[in-house]
Amino acid sequence: MFDSIAHAMGAGGGAAGQPAGSGFSGLFMMVIIFGIFYFILIRPQQKKVKEHKKMVEELKKGDKIITQGGIYGMVETAGANTLTVKIAEGTKVKIARSSVATVLTEEEASKE
């Protein structure tokens, strides 16, 4: 009885210690998995980074923004790498352009 079970559990057609399929099946599966990761994770992230970079480059005086820290303000001056943002009457802060999370549209700004 134990002989038949041990024989049934033996290697199925290939040499001992090697998978029964060809060596290309493992490589093919890795390529498929990489393709899935690329289209589901990597490509959308690159697109999002590109859109954020474009948005940051197009900032100008008068734009209403929200920083990554959650501060609402209006751009007073725009330099090459920095912005001066008015966050309250008589209160201005200087921030890095890259710290802007979103630019508010006219509709969103009127709601605030």
C-alpha atoms as a PDB file:
ATOM      1  CA  MET A   1       0.000   0.000   0.000  1.00  0.00           C
ATOM      2  CA  PHE A   2       2.716   2.491   0.919  1.00  0.00           C
ATOM      3  CA  ASP A   3       4.641   1.584  -2.231  1.00  0.00           C
ATOM      4  CA  SER A   4       1.756   2.646  -4.461  1.00  0.00           C
ATOM      5  CA  ILE A   5       1.372   5.981  -2.617  1.00  0.00           C
ATOM      6  CA  ALA A   6       5.108   6.724  -2.797  1.00  0.00           C
ATOM      7  CA  HIS A   7       5.166   5.804  -6.483  1.00  0.00           C
ATOM      8  CA  ALA A   8       2.174   8.080  -7.158  1.00  0.00           C
ATOM      9  CA  MET A   9       3.951  10.989  -5.429  1.00  0.00           C
ATOM     10  CA  GLY A  10       7.092  10.586  -7.555  1.00  0.00           C
ATOM     11  CA  ALA A  11       8.223  12.990 -10.317  1.00  0.00           C
ATOM     12  CA  GLY A  12       5.727  13.045 -13.163  1.00  0.00           C
ATOM     13  CA  GLY A  13       7.714  12.419 -16.328  1.00  0.00           C
ATOM     14  CA  GLY A  14      10.622  14.833 -15.824  1.00  0.00           C
ATOM     15  CA  ALA A  15      14.016  14.228 -14.280  1.00  0.00           C
ATOM     16  CA  ALA A  16      14.110  14.162 -10.501  1.00  0.00           C
ATOM     17  CA  GLY A  17      14.070  17.650  -8.966  1.00  0.00           C
ATOM     18  CA  GLN A  18      12.938  19.435 -12.153  1.00  0.00           C
ATOM     19  CA  PRO A  19       9.434  20.633 -12.928  1.00  0.00           C
ATOM     20  CA  ALA A  20       7.376  18.576 -15.328  1.00  0.00           C
ATOM     21  CA  GLY A  21       6.913  21.529 -17.772  1.00  0.00           C
ATOM     22  CA  SER A  22       9.520  23.194 -19.942  1.00  0.00           C
ATOM     23  CA  GLY A  23      11.927  25.836 -18.627  1.00  0.00           C
ATOM     24  CA  PHE A  24      10.219  28.497 -20.724  1.00  0.00           C
ATOM     25  CA  SER A  25       6.929  28.240 -18.831  1.00  0.00           C
ATOM     26  CA  GLY A  26       8.492  29.755 -15.706  1.00  0.00           C
ATOM     27  CA  LEU A  27      10.054  32.568 -17.722  1.00  0.00           C
ATOM     28  CA  PHE A  28       6.770  33.147 -19.545  1.00  0.00           C
ATOM     29  CA  MET A  29       4.881  33.420 -16.245  1.00  0.00           C
ATOM     30  CA  MET A  30       7.415  35.953 -14.911  1.00  0.00           C
ATOM     31  CA  VAL A  31       6.981  38.106 -18.033  1.00  0.00           C
ATOM     32  CA  ILE A  32       3.187  37.938 -17.662  1.00  0.00           C
ATOM     33  CA  ILE A  33       3.389  38.941 -13.980  1.00  0.00           C
ATOM     34  CA  PHE A  34       5.726  41.846 -14.790  1.00  0.00           C
ATOM     35  CA  GLY A  35       3.326  42.999 -17.512  1.00  0.00           C
ATOM     36  CA  ILE A  36       0.423  42.944 -15.071  1.00  0.00           C
ATOM     37  CA  PHE A  37       2.414  44.945 -12.492  1.00  0.00           C
ATOM     38  CA  TYR A  38       3.459  47.435 -15.168  1.00  0.00           C
ATOM     39  CA  PHE A  39      -0.059  48.134 -16.427  1.00  0.00           C
ATOM     40  CA  ILE A  40      -1.750  48.087 -13.009  1.00  0.00           C
ATOM     41  CA  LEU A  41       0.838  49.809 -10.796  1.00  0.00           C
ATOM     42  CA  ILE A  42       3.799  51.408 -12.572  1.00  0.00           C
ATOM     43  CA  ARG A  43       2.175  53.052 -15.606  1.00  0.00           C
ATOM     44  CA  PRO A  44      -0.664  54.808 -13.708  1.00  0.00           C
ATOM     45  CA  GLN A  45       1.819  56.094 -11.115  1.00  0.00           C
ATOM     46  CA  GLN A  46       4.072  57.545 -13.840  1.00  0.00           C
ATOM     47  CA  LYS A  47       1.049  59.211 -15.441  1.00  0.00           C
ATOM     48  CA  LYS A  48       0.014  60.727 -12.103  1.00  0.00           C
ATOM     49  CA  VAL A  49       3.536  62.091 -11.495  1.00  0.00           C
ATOM     50  CA  LYS A  50       3.615  63.624 -14.978  1.00  0.00           C
ATOM     51  CA  GLU A  51       0.233  65.332 -14.437  1.00  0.00           C
ATOM     52  CA  HIS A  52       1.354  66.720 -11.041  1.00  0.00           C
ATOM     53  CA  LYS A  53       4.568  68.069 -12.556  1.00  0.00           C
ATOM     54  CA  LYS A  54       2.604  69.813 -15.326  1.00  0.00           C
ATOM     55  CA  MET A  55       0.157  71.289 -12.788  1.00  0.00           C
ATOM     56  CA  VAL A  56       3.011  72.614 -10.620  1.00  0.00           C
ATOM     57  CA  GLU A  57       4.772  74.182 -13.625  1.00  0.00           C
ATOM     58  CA  GLU A  58       1.577  76.008 -14.673  1.00  0.00           C
ATOM     59  CA  LEU A  59       0.950  77.691 -11.285  1.00  0.00           C
ATOM     60  CA  LYS A  60       0.567  81.456 -11.531  1.00  0.00           C
ATOM     61  CA  LYS A  61      -0.418  84.432  -9.430  1.00  0.00           C
ATOM     62  CA  GLY A  62      -4.040  84.288  -8.300  1.00  0.00           C
ATOM     63  CA  ASP A  63      -4.389  80.476  -8.360  1.00  0.00           C
ATOM     64  CA  LYS A  64      -6.139  79.066  -5.298  1.00  0.00           C
ATOM     65  CA  ILE A  65      -4.323  75.987  -4.032  1.00  0.00           C
ATOM     66  CA  ILE A  66      -4.237  73.344  -1.338  1.00  0.00           C
ATOM     67  CA  THR A  67      -0.809  72.268  -0.099  1.00  0.00           C
ATOM     68  CA  GLN A  68       0.109  68.701   0.787  1.00  0.00           C
ATOM     69  CA  GLY A  69      -0.116  69.789   4.415  1.00  0.00           C
ATOM     70  CA  GLY A  70      -3.767  70.771   3.925  1.00  0.00           C
ATOM     71  CA  ILE A  71      -3.295  74.550   3.932  1.00  0.00           C
ATOM     72  CA  TYR A  72      -5.622  76.538   1.660  1.00  0.00           C
ATOM     73  CA  GLY A  73      -4.210  79.685   0.092  1.00  0.00           C
ATOM     74  CA  MET A  74      -3.808  81.894  -2.942  1.00  0.00           C
ATOM     75  CA  VAL A  75      -0.569  82.287  -4.897  1.00  0.00           C
ATOM     76  CA  GLU A  76       0.825  85.816  -4.492  1.00  0.00           C
ATOM     77  CA  THR A  77       4.129  85.405  -6.335  1.00  0.00           C
ATOM     78  CA  ALA A  78       5.561  82.507  -8.301  1.00  0.00           C
ATOM     79  CA  GLY A  79       9.297  81.926  -8.523  1.00  0.00           C
ATOM     80  CA  ALA A  80      11.232  79.191 -10.276  1.00  0.00           C
ATOM     81  CA  ASN A  81      11.107  76.742  -7.349  1.00  0.00           C
ATOM     82  CA  THR A  82       9.059  78.561  -4.705  1.00  0.00           C
ATOM     83  CA  LEU A  83       5.692  80.220  -4.259  1.00  0.00           C
ATOM     84  CA  THR A  84       4.558  82.923  -1.868  1.00  0.00           C
ATOM     85  CA  VAL A  85       1.090  81.952  -0.714  1.00  0.00           C
ATOM     86  CA  LYS A  86      -1.396  84.174   1.108  1.00  0.00           C
ATOM     87  CA  ILE A  87      -3.169  81.994   3.683  1.00  0.00           C
ATOM     88  CA  ALA A  88      -4.920  84.763   5.653  1.00  0.00           C
ATOM     89  CA  GLU A  89      -5.193  88.527   5.641  1.00  0.00           C
ATOM     90  CA  GLY A  90      -1.659  89.785   6.299  1.00  0.00           C
ATOM     91  CA  THR A  91      -0.196  86.242   6.464  1.00  0.00           C
ATOM     92  CA  LYS A  92       2.006  84.965   3.666  1.00  0.00           C
ATOM     93  CA  VAL A  93       4.176  81.874   3.586  1.00  0.00           C
ATOM     94  CA  LYS A  94       6.869  80.786   1.182  1.00  0.00           C
ATOM     95  CA  ILE A  95       6.557  77.159   0.040  1.00  0.00           C
ATOM     96  CA  ALA A  96       8.191  74.840  -2.465  1.00  0.00           C
ATOM     97  CA  ARG A  97       6.265  74.431  -5.706  1.00  0.00           C
ATOM     98  CA  SER A  98       6.343  70.662  -5.318  1.00  0.00           C
ATOM     99  CA  SER A  99       4.383  70.863  -2.048  1.00  0.00           C
ATOM    100  CA  VAL A 100       1.188  71.931  -3.858  1.00  0.00           C
ATOM    101  CA  ALA A 101      -1.328  69.094  -3.864  1.00  0.00           C
ATOM    102  CA  THR A 102      -4.130  70.561  -5.970  1.00  0.00           C
ATOM    103  CA  VAL A 103      -5.266  73.725  -7.689  1.00  0.00           C
ATOM    104  CA  LEU A 104      -8.851  74.640  -6.884  1.00  0.00           C
ATOM    105  CA  THR A 105     -11.256  75.427  -9.693  1.00  0.00           C
ATOM    106  CA  GLU A 106     -13.492  78.504  -9.505  1.00  0.00           C
ATOM    107  CA  GLU A 107     -16.431  76.336  -8.355  1.00  0.00           C
ATOM    108  CA  GLU A 108     -14.411  74.662  -5.589  1.00  0.00           C
ATOM    109  CA  ALA A 109     -12.899  77.954  -4.461  1.00  0.00           C
ATOM    110  CA  SER A 110     -16.342  79.620  -4.202  1.00  0.00           C
ATOM    111  CA  LYS A 111     -17.563  76.780  -1.942  1.00  0.00           C
ATOM    112  CA  GLU A 112     -14.708  77.343   0.507  1.00  0.00           C
END
